[in-house]
Structures are given as C-alpha cells and as structure tokens.
N, C-alpha and C. Protein backbone atom coordinates (compact mmCIF):
# COMPACT_ATOMS: atom_id res chain seq x y z
N UNK A 1 0.77 -1.27 -0.08
CA UNK A 1 0.11 -0.09 0.17
C UNK A 1 0.76 1.10 0.04
N UNK A 2 0.77 2.01 -0.84
CA UNK A 2 1.56 3.17 -0.95
C UNK A 2 0.76 4.46 -0.38
N UNK A 3 1.57 5.32 0.24
CA UNK A 3 0.74 6.41 0.86
C UNK A 3 0.81 7.47 -0.16
N UNK A 4 -0.34 8.66 -0.20
CA UNK A 4 -0.22 9.68 -1.11
C UNK A 4 -0.10 10.70 -0.50
N UNK A 5 0.69 11.55 -0.75
CA UNK A 5 0.90 13.00 -0.14
C UNK A 5 0.57 13.95 -1.24
N UNK A 6 -0.48 14.93 -0.75
CA UNK A 6 -0.70 15.83 -1.54
C UNK A 6 0.54 17.08 -1.54
N UNK A 7 0.78 17.14 -2.82
CA UNK A 7 1.77 18.31 -3.08
C UNK A 7 3.28 17.82 -2.71
N UNK A 8 3.49 16.68 -2.35
CA UNK A 8 4.70 15.99 -1.88
C UNK A 8 5.26 15.09 -2.74
N UNK A 9 4.48 14.62 -3.82
CA UNK A 9 4.73 13.40 -4.59
C UNK A 9 4.16 11.95 -3.89
N UNK A 10 4.60 10.73 -4.53
CA UNK A 10 4.25 9.61 -3.69
C UNK A 10 5.51 9.36 -2.95
N UNK A 11 5.18 8.84 -1.95
CA UNK A 11 6.26 8.28 -0.95
C UNK A 11 6.08 6.90 -1.08
N UNK A 12 7.35 6.03 -0.95
CA UNK A 12 7.54 4.48 -0.80
C UNK A 12 6.89 4.25 0.54
N UNK A 13 6.56 2.99 0.56
CA UNK A 13 5.64 2.34 1.62
C UNK A 13 6.60 2.47 2.93
N UNK A 14 5.89 2.19 4.12
CA UNK A 14 6.76 2.41 5.34
C UNK A 14 7.84 1.35 5.26
N UNK A 15 7.36 0.05 4.75
CA UNK A 15 8.39 -0.90 4.77
C UNK A 15 9.46 -0.49 4.13
N UNK A 16 9.40 -0.25 2.70
CA UNK A 16 10.48 0.21 2.02
C UNK A 16 11.47 1.21 2.43
N UNK A 17 10.85 2.21 3.07
CA UNK A 17 11.56 3.35 3.64
C UNK A 17 12.45 2.81 4.96
N UNK A 18 11.79 1.98 5.74
CA UNK A 18 12.37 0.95 6.72
C UNK A 18 13.64 0.46 6.21
N UNK A 19 13.31 -0.47 5.09
CA UNK A 19 14.50 -1.30 4.63
C UNK A 19 15.55 -0.41 4.02
N UNK A 20 15.33 0.86 3.55
CA UNK A 20 16.35 1.65 3.04
C UNK A 20 17.17 2.23 4.18
N UNK A 21 16.48 2.49 5.12
CA UNK A 21 17.28 3.02 6.62
C UNK A 21 17.97 1.96 7.22
N UNK A 22 17.66 0.76 7.29
CA UNK A 22 18.32 -0.59 7.90
C UNK A 22 19.69 -0.76 6.98
N UNK A 23 19.69 -0.62 5.41
CA UNK A 23 20.67 -0.93 4.55
C UNK A 23 21.59 0.27 4.89
N UNK A 24 21.17 1.88 5.08
CA UNK A 24 22.02 2.84 5.05
C UNK A 24 22.91 2.63 6.30
N UNK A 25 22.02 2.31 7.49
CA UNK A 25 23.00 2.13 8.75
C UNK A 25 23.93 0.87 8.82
N UNK A 26 23.66 -0.12 8.11
CA UNK A 26 24.58 -1.28 7.95
C UNK A 26 25.78 -0.90 7.28
N UNK A 27 25.66 -0.01 6.10
CA UNK A 27 26.94 0.63 5.46
C UNK A 27 27.56 1.45 6.34
N UNK A 28 26.92 2.47 7.24
CA UNK A 28 27.77 3.14 7.88
C UNK A 28 28.45 2.40 9.12
N UNK A 29 27.80 1.34 9.36
CA UNK A 29 28.63 0.97 10.59
C UNK A 29 29.68 0.04 9.89
N UNK A 30 29.63 -0.60 8.97
CA UNK A 30 30.82 -1.15 8.20
C UNK A 30 31.96 -0.24 7.87
N UNK A 31 31.68 1.11 7.81
CA UNK A 31 32.99 2.17 7.40
C UNK A 31 33.59 2.60 8.85
N UNK A 32 33.14 2.26 9.99
CA UNK A 32 33.38 2.89 11.38
C UNK A 32 34.79 2.15 11.37
N UNK A 33 35.15 0.95 11.08
CA UNK A 33 36.58 0.62 11.31
C UNK A 33 36.95 -0.21 12.47
N UNK A 34 35.98 -0.54 13.10
CA UNK A 34 35.96 -1.36 14.40
C UNK A 34 35.45 -2.69 14.24
N UNK A 35 36.15 -3.46 14.73
CA UNK A 35 35.41 -4.95 14.59
C UNK A 35 34.48 -5.02 15.69
N UNK A 36 33.38 -6.00 15.39
CA UNK A 36 32.09 -6.01 16.03
C UNK A 36 32.38 -7.30 17.01
N UNK A 37 31.69 -7.14 18.39
CA UNK A 37 31.83 -8.20 19.04
C UNK A 37 32.46 -7.96 20.41
N UNK A 38 32.58 -8.65 21.22
CA UNK A 38 33.33 -8.50 22.56
C UNK A 38 34.74 -9.11 22.68
N UNK A 39 35.61 -8.50 23.27
CA UNK A 39 37.13 -8.72 23.19
C UNK A 39 37.41 -8.99 24.60
N UNK A 40 38.05 -9.99 24.98
CA UNK A 40 38.74 -10.12 26.41
C UNK A 40 40.26 -10.16 26.43
N UNK A 41 40.89 -9.33 26.92
CA UNK A 41 42.24 -9.56 27.05
C UNK A 41 42.99 -9.80 28.65
N UNK A 42 44.03 -10.51 28.52
CA UNK A 42 44.72 -10.76 29.84
C UNK A 42 45.41 -9.66 30.56
N UNK A 43 45.93 -8.80 29.79
CA UNK A 43 46.63 -7.48 30.54
C UNK A 43 46.30 -6.38 29.80
N UNK A 44 46.74 -5.24 30.36
CA UNK A 44 46.58 -3.95 29.51
C UNK A 44 47.39 -3.87 28.26
N UNK A 45 48.63 -4.43 28.50
CA UNK A 45 49.56 -4.73 27.37
C UNK A 45 49.15 -5.53 26.20
N UNK A 46 48.31 -6.31 26.36
CA UNK A 46 47.88 -7.14 25.42
C UNK A 46 46.56 -6.22 24.53
N UNK A 47 46.00 -5.54 25.28
CA UNK A 47 44.98 -4.56 25.02
C UNK A 47 45.53 -3.47 23.90
N UNK A 48 46.60 -3.15 24.37
CA UNK A 48 47.45 -1.87 23.54
C UNK A 48 47.65 -2.46 22.25
N UNK A 49 48.43 -3.66 22.05
CA UNK A 49 48.71 -4.33 20.96
C UNK A 49 47.61 -4.28 19.90
C-alpha cells in the first residue's frame, strides 16, 4: 500500500523506507573501522597491541 501525499509526490511504503534506512545504517556501521563483538584481554599490554 503506497501512501499518497498531496503536493509532495508519492512516498514509498513504510516498509520500503525502513528497509532503506536499515541498509544505510548497515553501510555506515561497516565504515566505522571497528570490529564487532566482545573482546577479552589478559592484560593492558595485550589490549594496547
């Protein structure tokens, strides 16, 4: 079901907009440069490496 907005053109459905937002957030997360997950270190020296 598409929403019709007077004077603003037709918007994509709510789920299409949500999907686009999720894909954009996923791309931005990949650019952060940090590995995802939890890491445990035995010492501060191992952490610094």
